[in-house]
Amino acid sequence: MKKIMLSGKIHTATITRCVIDYEGSLEIDPELLAEANILPYEKILVANRNNGSRLETYAIPGVPGSRDFCLNGPAARLGKVGDIVTIMAFSVCDEEEAKTLKPQIIVLGEDNQIVMRRRGRQEI
């Protein structure tokens, strides 16, 4: 049996831009993608704390070091600049892998700077 497990998460990211006239996706600083174990073009779930919306899209790499999070295309209608979002990536695992998987999580603060890193529930 296969399980779908959380493998990477960016918590409390602030949306910095929204661009309606685009094919779609969420543009993310690639340094933050790497810190959260999310690959460019990987499917992600985005939960918006401000309006309760949830959307599935994919992560596209932005400018390294920019700390930008840009909602593009139709996704831009589900948030606005300043909204706080959580971005989650999931992996398909067999049951043995699922028992030991510890997702890589980063928590962001002001200006989308990393304030905490965790593997599962343990701070690193």
PDB file of N, CA and C in Angstrom:
ATOM      1  N   MET A   1       0.844  -1.176   0.000  1.00  0.00           N
ATOM      2  CA  MET A   1       0.000   0.000   0.000  1.00  0.00           C
ATOM      3  C   MET A   1       0.893   1.243   0.000  1.00  0.00           C
ATOM      4  N   LYS A   2       0.463   2.257  -0.701  1.00  0.00           N
ATOM      5  CA  LYS A   2       1.182   3.528  -0.768  1.00  0.00           C
ATOM      6  C   LYS A   2       0.468   4.568   0.089  1.00  0.00           C
ATOM      7  N   LYS A   3       1.248   5.456   0.650  1.00  0.00           N
ATOM      8  CA  LYS A   3       0.728   6.568   1.456  1.00  0.00           C
ATOM      9  C   LYS A   3       1.205   7.875   0.831  1.00  0.00           C
ATOM     10  N   ILE A   4       0.376   8.893   0.906  1.00  0.00           N
ATOM     11  CA  ILE A   4       0.771  10.228   0.458  1.00  0.00           C
ATOM     12  C   ILE A   4       1.117  11.027   1.710  1.00  0.00           C
ATOM     13  N   MET A   5       2.394  11.414   1.813  1.00  0.00           N
ATOM     14  CA  MET A   5       2.908  12.010   3.045  1.00  0.00           C
ATOM     15  C   MET A   5       3.484  13.406   2.788  1.00  0.00           C
ATOM     16  N   LEU A   6       3.341  14.284   3.778  1.00  0.00           N
ATOM     17  CA  LEU A   6       3.966  15.601   3.716  1.00  0.00           C
ATOM     18  C   LEU A   6       5.480  15.414   3.680  1.00  0.00           C
ATOM     19  N   SER A   7       6.141  16.028   2.696  1.00  0.00           N
ATOM     20  CA  SER A   7       7.595  15.904   2.602  1.00  0.00           C
ATOM     21  C   SER A   7       8.305  17.250   2.727  1.00  0.00           C
ATOM     22  N   GLY A   8       7.607  18.345   2.440  1.00  0.00           N
ATOM     23  CA  GLY A   8       8.204  19.665   2.563  1.00  0.00           C
ATOM     24  C   GLY A   8       7.140  20.704   2.824  1.00  0.00           C
ATOM     25  N   LYS A   9       7.518  21.744   3.590  1.00  0.00           N
ATOM     26  CA  LYS A   9       6.518  22.755   3.955  1.00  0.00           C
ATOM     27  C   LYS A   9       7.197  24.100   4.198  1.00  0.00           C
ATOM     28  N   ILE A  10       6.570  25.143   3.666  1.00  0.00           N
ATOM     29  CA  ILE A  10       6.968  26.521   3.969  1.00  0.00           C
ATOM     30  C   ILE A  10       5.795  27.136   4.717  1.00  0.00           C
ATOM     31  N   HIS A  11       6.023  27.482   5.976  1.00  0.00           N
ATOM     32  CA  HIS A  11       4.950  27.974   6.846  1.00  0.00           C
ATOM     33  C   HIS A  11       5.071  29.487   7.011  1.00  0.00           C
ATOM     34  N   THR A  12       3.968  30.169   6.967  1.00  0.00           N
ATOM     35  CA  THR A  12       3.823  31.620   7.160  1.00  0.00           C
ATOM     36  C   THR A  12       4.633  32.449   6.166  1.00  0.00           C
ATOM     37  N   ALA A  13       4.534  32.093   4.884  1.00  0.00           N
ATOM     38  CA  ALA A  13       5.120  32.902   3.819  1.00  0.00           C
ATOM     39  C   ALA A  13       4.177  34.065   3.512  1.00  0.00           C
ATOM     40  N   THR A  14       4.733  35.208   3.207  1.00  0.00           N
ATOM     41  CA  THR A  14       3.939  36.377   2.848  1.00  0.00           C
ATOM     42  C   THR A  14       3.972  36.564   1.330  1.00  0.00           C
ATOM     43  N   ILE A  15       2.791  36.654   0.727  1.00  0.00           N
ATOM     44  CA  ILE A  15       2.703  36.897  -0.712  1.00  0.00           C
ATOM     45  C   ILE A  15       3.251  38.292  -1.009  1.00  0.00           C
ATOM     46  N   THR A  16       4.193  38.366  -1.957  1.00  0.00           N
ATOM     47  CA  THR A  16       4.828  39.639  -2.295  1.00  0.00           C
ATOM     48  C   THR A  16       4.319  40.222  -3.614  1.00  0.00           C
ATOM     49  N   ARG A  17       3.787  39.357  -4.494  1.00  0.00           N
ATOM     50  CA  ARG A  17       3.289  39.829  -5.787  1.00  0.00           C
ATOM     51  C   ARG A  17       2.167  38.916  -6.258  1.00  0.00           C
ATOM     52  N   CYS A  18       1.305  39.469  -7.121  1.00  0.00           N
ATOM     53  CA  CYS A  18       0.255  38.702  -7.800  1.00  0.00           C
ATOM     54  C   CYS A  18       0.226  39.168  -9.253  1.00  0.00           C
ATOM     55  N   VAL A  19       0.283  38.204 -10.186  1.00  0.00           N
ATOM     56  CA  VAL A  19       0.292  38.533 -11.610  1.00  0.00           C
ATOM     57  C   VAL A  19      -0.802  37.704 -12.287  1.00  0.00           C
ATOM     58  N   ILE A  20      -1.904  38.354 -12.630  1.00  0.00           N
ATOM     59  CA  ILE A  20      -3.039  37.666 -13.247  1.00  0.00           C
ATOM     60  C   ILE A  20      -2.688  37.145 -14.639  1.00  0.00           C
ATOM     61  N   ASP A  21      -2.013  37.952 -15.445  1.00  0.00           N
ATOM     62  CA  ASP A  21      -1.736  37.614 -16.839  1.00  0.00           C
ATOM     63  C   ASP A  21      -0.516  36.693 -16.937  1.00  0.00           C
ATOM     64  N   TYR A  22      -0.705  35.447 -16.525  1.00  0.00           N
ATOM     65  CA  TYR A  22       0.359  34.449 -16.521  1.00  0.00           C
ATOM     66  C   TYR A  22      -0.304  33.081 -16.599  1.00  0.00           C
ATOM     67  N   GLU A  23       0.409  32.079 -17.046  1.00  0.00           N
ATOM     68  CA  GLU A  23      -0.164  30.741 -17.212  1.00  0.00           C
ATOM     69  C   GLU A  23      -0.641  30.113 -15.903  1.00  0.00           C
ATOM     70  N   GLY A  24      -0.014  30.431 -14.803  1.00  0.00           N
ATOM     71  CA  GLY A  24      -0.413  29.879 -13.518  1.00  0.00           C
ATOM     72  C   GLY A  24       0.748  29.272 -12.779  1.00  0.00           C
ATOM     73  N   SER A  25       0.659  29.259 -11.469  1.00  0.00           N
ATOM     74  CA  SER A  25       1.650  28.668 -10.576  1.00  0.00           C
ATOM     75  C   SER A  25       1.948  29.615  -9.430  1.00  0.00           C
ATOM     76  N   LEU A  26       2.855  29.193  -8.560  1.00  0.00           N
ATOM     77  CA  LEU A  26       3.347  30.043  -7.481  1.00  0.00           C
ATOM     78  C   LEU A  26       4.854  30.145  -7.654  1.00  0.00           C
ATOM     79  N   GLU A  27       5.333  31.346  -7.885  1.00  0.00           N
ATOM     80  CA  GLU A  27       6.772  31.595  -8.017  1.00  0.00           C
ATOM     81  C   GLU A  27       7.364  31.752  -6.622  1.00  0.00           C
ATOM     82  N   ILE A  28       8.446  31.010  -6.366  1.00  0.00           N
ATOM     83  CA  ILE A  28       9.071  30.983  -5.040  1.00  0.00           C
ATOM     84  C   ILE A  28      10.582  31.104  -5.199  1.00  0.00           C
ATOM     85  N   ASP A  29      11.200  31.854  -4.317  1.00  0.00           N
ATOM     86  CA  ASP A  29      12.658  31.956  -4.260  1.00  0.00           C
ATOM     87  C   ASP A  29      13.240  30.535  -4.193  1.00  0.00           C
ATOM     88  N   PRO A  30      14.109  30.151  -5.139  1.00  0.00           N
ATOM     89  CA  PRO A  30      14.629  28.777  -5.159  1.00  0.00           C
ATOM     90  C   PRO A  30      15.446  28.400  -3.921  1.00  0.00           C
ATOM     91  N   GLU A  31      16.018  29.390  -3.241  1.00  0.00           N
ATOM     92  CA  GLU A  31      16.737  29.090  -1.995  1.00  0.00           C
ATOM     93  C   GLU A  31      15.761  28.571  -0.941  1.00  0.00           C
ATOM     94  N   LEU A  32      14.560  29.152  -0.902  1.00  0.00           N
ATOM     95  CA  LEU A  32      13.549  28.699   0.060  1.00  0.00           C
ATOM     96  C   LEU A  32      12.976  27.352  -0.354  1.00  0.00           C
ATOM     97  N   LEU A  33      12.808  27.136  -1.663  1.00  0.00           N
ATOM     98  CA  LEU A  33      12.361  25.817  -2.129  1.00  0.00           C
ATOM     99  C   LEU A  33      13.314  24.735  -1.633  1.00  0.00           C
ATOM    100  N   ALA A  34      14.603  24.952  -1.815  1.00  0.00           N
ATOM    101  CA  ALA A  34      15.596  23.959  -1.402  1.00  0.00           C
ATOM    102  C   ALA A  34      15.566  23.729   0.101  1.00  0.00           C
ATOM    103  N   GLU A  35      15.434  24.785   0.869  1.00  0.00           N
ATOM    104  CA  GLU A  35      15.384  24.665   2.330  1.00  0.00           C
ATOM    105  C   GLU A  35      14.193  23.828   2.788  1.00  0.00           C
ATOM    106  N   ALA A  36      13.102  23.865   2.010  1.00  0.00           N
ATOM    107  CA  ALA A  36      11.882  23.143   2.376  1.00  0.00           C
ATOM    108  C   ALA A  36      11.739  21.815   1.642  1.00  0.00           C
ATOM    109  N   ASN A  37      12.780  21.389   0.920  1.00  0.00           N
ATOM    110  CA  ASN A  37      12.751  20.113   0.201  1.00  0.00           C
ATOM    111  C   ASN A  37      11.636  20.066  -0.849  1.00  0.00           C
ATOM    112  N   ILE A  38      11.403  21.202  -1.513  1.00  0.00           N
ATOM    113  CA  ILE A  38      10.422  21.275  -2.586  1.00  0.00           C
ATOM    114  C   ILE A  38      11.183  21.536  -3.883  1.00  0.00           C
ATOM    115  N   LEU A  39      10.938  20.710  -4.879  1.00  0.00           N
ATOM    116  CA  LEU A  39      11.628  20.852  -6.153  1.00  0.00           C
ATOM    117  C   LEU A  39      10.916  21.860  -7.059  1.00  0.00           C
ATOM    118  N   PRO A  40      11.675  22.536  -7.931  1.00  0.00           N
ATOM    119  CA  PRO A  40      11.018  23.359  -8.942  1.00  0.00           C
ATOM    120  C   PRO A  40      10.062  22.497  -9.766  1.00  0.00           C
ATOM    121  N   TYR A  41       8.884  23.015 -10.008  1.00  0.00           N
ATOM    122  CA  TYR A  41       7.817  22.387 -10.798  1.00  0.00           C
ATOM    123  C   TYR A  41       7.109  21.247 -10.061  1.00  0.00           C
ATOM    124  N   GLU A  42       7.403  21.066  -8.792  1.00  0.00           N
ATOM    125  CA  GLU A  42       6.699  20.054  -7.996  1.00  0.00           C
ATOM    126  C   GLU A  42       5.292  20.559  -7.664  1.00  0.00           C
ATOM    127  N   LYS A  43       4.346  19.633  -7.618  1.00  0.00           N
ATOM    128  CA  LYS A  43       2.969  19.962  -7.242  1.00  0.00           C
ATOM    129  C   LYS A  43       2.949  20.395  -5.779  1.00  0.00           C
ATOM    130  N   ILE A  44       2.204  21.467  -5.514  1.00  0.00           N
ATOM    131  CA  ILE A  44       2.092  21.974  -4.145  1.00  0.00           C
ATOM    132  C   ILE A  44       0.633  22.300  -3.821  1.00  0.00           C
ATOM    133  N   LEU A  45       0.351  22.293  -2.536  1.00  0.00           N
ATOM    134  CA  LEU A  45      -0.930  22.752  -2.002  1.00  0.00           C
ATOM    135  C   LEU A  45      -0.646  24.043  -1.248  1.00  0.00           C
ATOM    136  N   VAL A  46      -1.423  25.082  -1.536  1.00  0.00           N
ATOM    137  CA  VAL A  46      -1.232  26.390  -0.903  1.00  0.00           C
ATOM    138  C   VAL A  46      -2.492  26.723  -0.109  1.00  0.00           C
ATOM    139  N   ALA A  47      -2.318  26.964   1.193  1.00  0.00           N
ATOM    140  CA  ALA A  47      -3.436  27.334   2.065  1.00  0.00           C
ATOM    141  C   ALA A  47      -3.250  28.790   2.485  1.00  0.00           C
ATOM    142  N   ASN A  48      -4.265  29.610   2.225  1.00  0.00           N
ATOM    143  CA  ASN A  48      -4.207  31.035   2.521  1.00  0.00           C
ATOM    144  C   ASN A  48      -4.852  31.302   3.878  1.00  0.00           C
ATOM    145  N   ARG A  49      -4.061  31.764   4.821  1.00  0.00           N
ATOM    146  CA  ARG A  49      -4.548  32.032   6.178  1.00  0.00           C
ATOM    147  C   ARG A  49      -5.533  33.205   6.199  1.00  0.00           C
ATOM    148  N   ASN A  50      -5.379  34.151   5.296  1.00  0.00           N
ATOM    149  CA  ASN A  50      -6.215  35.348   5.329  1.00  0.00           C
ATOM    150  C   ASN A  50      -7.634  35.122   4.833  1.00  0.00           C
ATOM    151  N   ASN A  51      -7.788  34.291   3.785  1.00  0.00           N
ATOM    152  CA  ASN A  51      -9.132  34.128   3.231  1.00  0.00           C
ATOM    153  C   ASN A  51      -9.634  32.683   3.230  1.00  0.00           C
ATOM    154  N   GLY A  52      -8.823  31.758   3.714  1.00  0.00           N
ATOM    155  CA  GLY A  52      -9.248  30.363   3.824  1.00  0.00           C
ATOM    156  C   GLY A  52      -9.182  29.565   2.534  1.00  0.00           C
ATOM    157  N   SER A  53      -8.759  30.182   1.439  1.00  0.00           N
ATOM    158  CA  SER A  53      -8.698  29.437   0.181  1.00  0.00           C
ATOM    159  C   SER A  53      -7.552  28.435   0.191  1.00  0.00           C
ATOM    160  N   ARG A  54      -7.741  27.365  -0.574  1.00  0.00           N
ATOM    161  CA  ARG A  54      -6.709  26.354  -0.782  1.00  0.00           C
ATOM    162  C   ARG A  54      -6.634  26.105  -2.274  1.00  0.00           C
ATOM    163  N   LEU A  55      -5.420  25.982  -2.797  1.00  0.00           N
ATOM    164  CA  LEU A  55      -5.275  25.736  -4.218  1.00  0.00           C
ATOM    165  C   LEU A  55      -4.121  24.783  -4.466  1.00  0.00           C
ATOM    166  N   GLU A  56      -4.273  24.002  -5.525  1.00  0.00           N
ATOM    167  CA  GLU A  56      -3.190  23.146  -5.991  1.00  0.00           C
ATOM    168  C   GLU A  56      -2.585  23.790  -7.218  1.00  0.00           C
ATOM    169  N   THR A  57      -1.269  23.817  -7.244  1.00  0.00           N
ATOM    170  CA  THR A  57      -0.553  24.363  -8.379  1.00  0.00           C
ATOM    171  C   THR A  57       0.828  23.726  -8.379  1.00  0.00           C
ATOM    172  N   TYR A  58       1.801  24.392  -8.962  1.00  0.00           N
ATOM    173  CA  TYR A  58       3.172  23.893  -8.931  1.00  0.00           C
ATOM    174  C   TYR A  58       4.097  25.051  -8.608  1.00  0.00           C
ATOM    175  N   ALA A  59       5.248  24.707  -8.048  1.00  0.00           N
ATOM    176  CA  ALA A  59       6.239  25.709  -7.665  1.00  0.00           C
ATOM    177  C   ALA A  59       7.140  26.017  -8.848  1.00  0.00           C
ATOM    178  N   ILE A  60       7.310  27.296  -9.147  1.00  0.00           N
ATOM    179  CA  ILE A  60       8.307  27.658 -10.154  1.00  0.00           C
ATOM    180  C   ILE A  60       9.381  28.501  -9.473  1.00  0.00           C
ATOM    181  N   PRO A  61      10.630  28.286  -9.859  1.00  0.00           N
ATOM    182  CA  PRO A  61      11.705  29.029  -9.209  1.00  0.00           C
ATOM    183  C   PRO A  61      11.723  30.484  -9.654  1.00  0.00           C
ATOM    184  N   GLY A  62      11.862  31.360  -8.684  1.00  0.00           N
ATOM    185  CA  GLY A  62      11.981  32.788  -8.951  1.00  0.00           C
ATOM    186  C   GLY A  62      13.438  33.209  -8.902  1.00  0.00           C
ATOM    187  N   VAL A  63      13.681  34.404  -8.421  1.00  0.00           N
ATOM    188  CA  VAL A  63      15.025  34.961  -8.320  1.00  0.00           C
ATOM    189  C   VAL A  63      15.649  34.525  -7.000  1.00  0.00           C
ATOM    190  N   PRO A  64      16.819  33.874  -7.044  1.00  0.00           N
ATOM    191  CA  PRO A  64      17.477  33.453  -5.799  1.00  0.00           C
ATOM    192  C   PRO A  64      17.731  34.639  -4.870  1.00  0.00           C
ATOM    193  N   GLY A  65      17.401  34.449  -3.600  1.00  0.00           N
ATOM    194  CA  GLY A  65      17.634  35.477  -2.592  1.00  0.00           C
ATOM    195  C   GLY A  65      16.583  36.555  -2.523  1.00  0.00           C
ATOM    196  N   SER A  66      15.588  36.518  -3.414  1.00  0.00           N
ATOM    197  CA  SER A  66      14.571  37.578  -3.461  1.00  0.00           C
ATOM    198  C   SER A  66      13.554  37.486  -2.332  1.00  0.00           C
ATOM    199  N   ARG A  67      13.348  36.288  -1.815  1.00  0.00           N
ATOM    200  CA  ARG A  67      12.324  36.003  -0.791  1.00  0.00           C
ATOM    201  C   ARG A  67      10.921  36.310  -1.312  1.00  0.00           C
ATOM    202  N   ASP A  68      10.758  36.277  -2.641  1.00  0.00           N
ATOM    203  CA  ASP A  68       9.460  36.541  -3.271  1.00  0.00           C
ATOM    204  C   ASP A  68       8.565  35.304  -3.287  1.00  0.00           C
ATOM    205  N   PHE A  69       7.269  35.551  -3.171  1.00  0.00           N
ATOM    206  CA  PHE A  69       6.216  34.564  -3.371  1.00  0.00           C
ATOM    207  C   PHE A  69       5.177  35.257  -4.238  1.00  0.00           C
ATOM    208  N   CYS A  70       5.079  34.820  -5.493  1.00  0.00           N
ATOM    209  CA  CYS A  70       4.196  35.482  -6.450  1.00  0.00           C
ATOM    210  C   CYS A  70       3.133  34.513  -6.948  1.00  0.00           C
ATOM    211  N   LEU A  71       1.872  34.827  -6.665  1.00  0.00           N
ATOM    212  CA  LEU A  71       0.756  34.057  -7.209  1.00  0.00           C
ATOM    213  C   LEU A  71       0.546  34.479  -8.650  1.00  0.00           C
ATOM    214  N   ASN A  72       0.518  33.503  -9.551  1.00  0.00           N
ATOM    215  CA  ASN A  72       0.399  33.777 -10.978  1.00  0.00           C
ATOM    216  C   ASN A  72      -0.884  33.189 -11.557  1.00  0.00           C
ATOM    217  N   GLY A  73      -1.377  33.825 -12.616  1.00  0.00           N
ATOM    218  CA  GLY A  73      -2.545  33.324 -13.331  1.00  0.00           C
ATOM    219  C   GLY A  73      -3.772  33.260 -12.436  1.00  0.00           C
ATOM    220  N   PRO A  74      -4.621  32.238 -12.630  1.00  0.00           N
ATOM    221  CA  PRO A  74      -5.842  32.121 -11.837  1.00  0.00           C
ATOM    222  C   PRO A  74      -5.585  32.091 -10.324  1.00  0.00           C
ATOM    223  N   ALA A  75      -4.428  31.561  -9.916  1.00  0.00           N
ATOM    224  CA  ALA A  75      -4.100  31.528  -8.489  1.00  0.00           C
ATOM    225  C   ALA A  75      -4.047  32.932  -7.888  1.00  0.00           C
ATOM    226  N   ALA A  76      -3.715  33.925  -8.720  1.00  0.00           N
ATOM    227  CA  ALA A  76      -3.622  35.307  -8.236  1.00  0.00           C
ATOM    228  C   ALA A  76      -4.974  35.845  -7.774  1.00  0.00           C
ATOM    229  N   ARG A  77      -6.051  35.197  -8.173  1.00  0.00           N
ATOM    230  CA  ARG A  77      -7.380  35.621  -7.722  1.00  0.00           C
ATOM    231  C   ARG A  77      -7.718  35.075  -6.329  1.00  0.00           C
ATOM    232  N   LEU A  78      -6.875  34.179  -5.824  1.00  0.00           N
ATOM    233  CA  LEU A  78      -7.140  33.552  -4.523  1.00  0.00           C
ATOM    234  C   LEU A  78      -6.296  34.135  -3.401  1.00  0.00           C
ATOM    235  N   GLY A  79      -5.619  35.223  -3.685  1.00  0.00           N
ATOM    236  CA  GLY A  79      -4.813  35.876  -2.665  1.00  0.00           C
ATOM    237  C   GLY A  79      -4.427  37.266  -3.110  1.00  0.00           C
ATOM    238  N   LYS A  80      -3.803  37.991  -2.184  1.00  0.00           N
ATOM    239  CA  LYS A  80      -3.333  39.332  -2.505  1.00  0.00           C
ATOM    240  C   LYS A  80      -2.025  39.580  -1.772  1.00  0.00           C
ATOM    241  N   VAL A  81      -1.323  40.602  -2.199  1.00  0.00           N
ATOM    242  CA  VAL A  81      -0.063  40.959  -1.569  1.00  0.00           C
ATOM    243  C   VAL A  81      -0.305  41.173  -0.074  1.00  0.00           C
ATOM    244  N   GLY A  82       0.547  40.558   0.726  1.00  0.00           N
ATOM    245  CA  GLY A  82       0.428  40.656   2.183  1.00  0.00           C
ATOM    246  C   GLY A  82      -0.248  39.456   2.825  1.00  0.00           C
ATOM    247  N   ASP A  83      -0.952  38.645   2.043  1.00  0.00           N
ATOM    248  CA  ASP A  83      -1.585  37.439   2.603  1.00  0.00           C
ATOM    249  C   ASP A  83      -0.517  36.471   3.101  1.00  0.00           C
ATOM    250  N   ILE A  84      -0.854  35.739   4.144  1.00  0.00           N
ATOM    251  CA  ILE A  84       0.034  34.732   4.723  1.00  0.00           C
ATOM    252  C   ILE A  84      -0.428  33.365   4.234  1.00  0.00           C
ATOM    253  N   VAL A  85       0.511  32.576   3.687  1.00  0.00           N
ATOM    254  CA  VAL A  85       0.177  31.265   3.153  1.00  0.00           C
ATOM    255  C   VAL A  85       1.108  30.191   3.715  1.00  0.00           C
ATOM    256  N   THR A  86       0.612  28.965   3.672  1.00  0.00           N
ATOM    257  CA  THR A  86       1.407  27.786   3.960  1.00  0.00           C
ATOM    258  C   THR A  86       1.467  26.965   2.681  1.00  0.00           C
ATOM    259  N   ILE A  87       2.662  26.545   2.316  1.00  0.00           N
ATOM    260  CA  ILE A  87       2.894  25.804   1.072  1.00  0.00           C
ATOM    261  C   ILE A  87       3.366  24.407   1.446  1.00  0.00           C
ATOM    262  N   MET A  88       2.672  23.390   0.922  1.00  0.00           N
ATOM    263  CA  MET A  88       2.971  22.004   1.285  1.00  0.00           C
ATOM    264  C   MET A  88       3.213  21.160   0.049  1.00  0.00           C
ATOM    265  N   ALA A  89       4.220  20.297   0.130  1.00  0.00           N
ATOM    266  CA  ALA A  89       4.505  19.320  -0.927  1.00  0.00           C
ATOM    267  C   ALA A  89       4.369  17.933  -0.306  1.00  0.00           C
ATOM    268  N   PHE A  90       3.894  16.993  -1.099  1.00  0.00           N
ATOM    269  CA  PHE A  90       3.644  15.642  -0.624  1.00  0.00           C
ATOM    270  C   PHE A  90       4.377  14.641  -1.506  1.00  0.00           C
ATOM    271  N   SER A  91       4.758  13.522  -0.917  1.00  0.00           N
ATOM    272  CA  SER A  91       5.429  12.456  -1.658  1.00  0.00           C
ATOM    273  C   SER A  91       4.675  11.150  -1.462  1.00  0.00           C
ATOM    274  N   VAL A  92       4.707  10.307  -2.482  1.00  0.00           N
ATOM    275  CA  VAL A  92       4.100   8.983  -2.397  1.00  0.00           C
ATOM    276  C   VAL A  92       5.158   8.025  -1.859  1.00  0.00           C
ATOM    277  N   CYS A  93       4.828   7.343  -0.772  1.00  0.00           N
ATOM    278  CA  CYS A  93       5.779   6.454  -0.093  1.00  0.00           C
ATOM    279  C   CYS A  93       5.136   5.094   0.138  1.00  0.00           C
ATOM    280  N   ASP A  94       5.981   4.086   0.227  1.00  0.00           N
ATOM    281  CA  ASP A  94       5.441   2.813   0.707  1.00  0.00           C
ATOM    282  C   ASP A  94       5.307   2.923   2.224  1.00  0.00           C
ATOM    283  N   GLU A  95       4.649   1.955   2.840  1.00  0.00           N
ATOM    284  CA  GLU A  95       4.356   2.065   4.276  1.00  0.00           C
ATOM    285  C   GLU A  95       5.606   2.170   5.130  1.00  0.00           C
ATOM    286  N   GLU A  96       6.659   1.460   4.770  1.00  0.00           N
ATOM    287  CA  GLU A  96       7.902   1.519   5.553  1.00  0.00           C
ATOM    288  C   GLU A  96       8.537   2.902   5.467  1.00  0.00           C
ATOM    289  N   GLU A  97       8.593   3.484   4.282  1.00  0.00           N
ATOM    290  CA  GLU A  97       9.122   4.841   4.125  1.00  0.00           C
ATOM    291  C   GLU A  97       8.267   5.833   4.907  1.00  0.00           C
ATOM    292  N   ALA A  98       6.966   5.659   4.833  1.00  0.00           N
ATOM    293  CA  ALA A  98       6.040   6.587   5.499  1.00  0.00           C
ATOM    294  C   ALA A  98       6.252   6.611   7.007  1.00  0.00           C
ATOM    295  N   LYS A  99       6.608   5.475   7.583  1.00  0.00           N
ATOM    296  CA  LYS A  99       6.797   5.402   9.041  1.00  0.00           C
ATOM    297  C   LYS A  99       7.986   6.212   9.513  1.00  0.00           C
ATOM    298  N   THR A 100       8.971   6.427   8.647  1.00  0.00           N
ATOM    299  CA  THR A 100      10.189   7.127   9.071  1.00  0.00           C
ATOM    300  C   THR A 100      10.343   8.510   8.447  1.00  0.00           C
ATOM    301  N   LEU A 101       9.456   8.873   7.527  1.00  0.00           N
ATOM    302  CA  LEU A 101       9.570  10.167   6.859  1.00  0.00           C
ATOM    303  C   LEU A 101       9.394  11.308   7.845  1.00  0.00           C
ATOM    304  N   LYS A 102      10.318  12.242   7.795  1.00  0.00           N
ATOM    305  CA  LYS A 102      10.215  13.459   8.604  1.00  0.00           C
ATOM    306  C   LYS A 102      10.268  14.644   7.637  1.00  0.00           C
ATOM    307  N   PRO A 103       9.153  15.332   7.462  1.00  0.00           N
ATOM    308  CA  PRO A 103       9.126  16.429   6.490  1.00  0.00           C
ATOM    309  C   PRO A 103      10.095  17.548   6.865  1.00  0.00           C
ATOM    310  N   GLN A 104      10.640  18.179   5.846  1.00  0.00           N
ATOM    311  CA  GLN A 104      11.519  19.329   6.037  1.00  0.00           C
ATOM    312  C   GLN A 104      10.639  20.568   6.042  1.00  0.00           C
ATOM    313  N   ILE A 105      10.661  21.312   7.147  1.00  0.00           N
ATOM    314  CA  ILE A 105       9.756  22.444   7.344  1.00  0.00           C
ATOM    315  C   ILE A 105      10.570  23.696   7.645  1.00  0.00           C
ATOM    316  N   ILE A 106      10.206  24.788   6.967  1.00  0.00           N
ATOM    317  CA  ILE A 106      10.764  26.080   7.350  1.00  0.00           C
ATOM    318  C   ILE A 106       9.614  26.996   7.733  1.00  0.00           C
ATOM    319  N   VAL A 107       9.868  27.824   8.736  1.00  0.00           N
ATOM    320  CA  VAL A 107       8.902  28.818   9.196  1.00  0.00           C
ATOM    321  C   VAL A 107       9.502  30.181   8.878  1.00  0.00           C
ATOM    322  N   LEU A 108       8.709  31.020   8.236  1.00  0.00           N
ATOM    323  CA  LEU A 108       9.193  32.335   7.840  1.00  0.00           C
ATOM    324  C   LEU A 108       8.626  33.420   8.733  1.00  0.00           C
ATOM    325  N   GLY A 109       9.408  34.465   8.894  1.00  0.00           N
ATOM    326  CA  GLY A 109       8.982  35.640   9.653  1.00  0.00           C
ATOM    327  C   GLY A 109       8.953  36.856   8.746  1.00  0.00           C
ATOM    328  N   GLU A 110       9.293  37.977   9.312  1.00  0.00           N
ATOM    329  CA  GLU A 110       9.272  39.238   8.589  1.00  0.00           C
ATOM    330  C   GLU A 110      10.161  39.173   7.348  1.00  0.00           C
ATOM    331  N   ASP A 111       9.682  39.757   6.266  1.00  0.00           N
ATOM    332  CA  ASP A 111      10.408  39.787   4.986  1.00  0.00           C
ATOM    333  C   ASP A 111      10.742  38.398   4.461  1.00  0.00           C
ATOM    334  N   ASN A 112       9.937  37.412   4.845  1.00  0.00           N
ATOM    335  CA  ASN A 112      10.112  36.023   4.394  1.00  0.00           C
ATOM    336  C   ASN A 112      11.496  35.467   4.709  1.00  0.00           C
ATOM    337  N   GLN A 113      12.018  35.868   5.846  1.00  0.00           N
ATOM    338  CA  GLN A 113      13.291  35.321   6.323  1.00  0.00           C
ATOM    339  C   GLN A 113      13.001  34.076   7.168  1.00  0.00           C
ATOM    340  N   ILE A 114      13.866  33.082   7.077  1.00  0.00           N
ATOM    341  CA  ILE A 114      13.689  31.849   7.855  1.00  0.00           C
ATOM    342  C   ILE A 114      13.939  32.144   9.329  1.00  0.00           C
ATOM    343  N   VAL A 115      12.940  31.798  10.161  1.00  0.00           N
ATOM    344  CA  VAL A 115      13.094  31.967  11.607  1.00  0.00           C
ATOM    345  C   VAL A 115      13.208  30.618  12.319  1.00  0.00           C
ATOM    346  N   MET A 116      12.856  29.526  11.613  1.00  0.00           N
ATOM    347  CA  MET A 116      12.972  28.199  12.215  1.00  0.00           C
ATOM    348  C   MET A 116      13.055  27.153  11.114  1.00  0.00           C
ATOM    349  N   ARG A 117      13.863  26.114  11.393  1.00  0.00           N
ATOM    350  CA  ARG A 117      13.957  24.939  10.518  1.00  0.00           C
ATOM    351  C   ARG A 117      13.626  23.727  11.366  1.00  0.00           C
ATOM    352  N   ARG A 118      12.808  22.811  10.789  1.00  0.00           N
ATOM    353  CA  ARG A 118      12.445  21.588  11.517  1.00  0.00           C
ATOM    354  C   ARG A 118      12.502  20.394  10.576  1.00  0.00           C
ATOM    355  N   ARG A 119      12.772  19.238  11.142  1.00  0.00           N
ATOM    356  CA  ARG A 119      12.595  17.955  10.476  1.00  0.00           C
ATOM    357  C   ARG A 119      11.508  17.270  11.280  1.00  0.00           C
ATOM    358  N   GLY A 120      10.311  17.185  10.717  1.00  0.00           N
ATOM    359  CA  GLY A 120       9.183  16.687  11.492  1.00  0.00           C
ATOM    360  C   GLY A 120       8.884  17.684  12.598  1.00  0.00           C
ATOM    361  N   ARG A 121       8.796  17.207  13.803  1.00  0.00           N
ATOM    362  CA  ARG A 121       8.498  18.074  14.956  1.00  0.00           C
ATOM    363  C   ARG A 121       9.764  18.609  15.623  1.00  0.00           C
ATOM    364  N   GLN A 122      10.925  18.130  15.181  1.00  0.00           N
ATOM    365  CA  GLN A 122      12.184  18.491  15.837  1.00  0.00           C
ATOM    366  C   GLN A 122      12.858  19.676  15.159  1.00  0.00           C
ATOM    367  N   GLU A 123      13.171  20.691  15.955  1.00  0.00           N
ATOM    368  CA  GLU A 123      13.872  21.859  15.428  1.00  0.00           C
ATOM    369  C   GLU A 123      15.303  21.480  15.093  1.00  0.00           C
ATOM    370  N   ILE A 124      15.802  22.040  13.975  1.00  0.00           N
ATOM    371  CA  ILE A 124      17.209  21.795  13.607  1.00  0.00           C
ATOM    372  C   ILE A 124      17.961  23.100  13.475  1.00  0.00           C
TER     373      ILE A 124
END
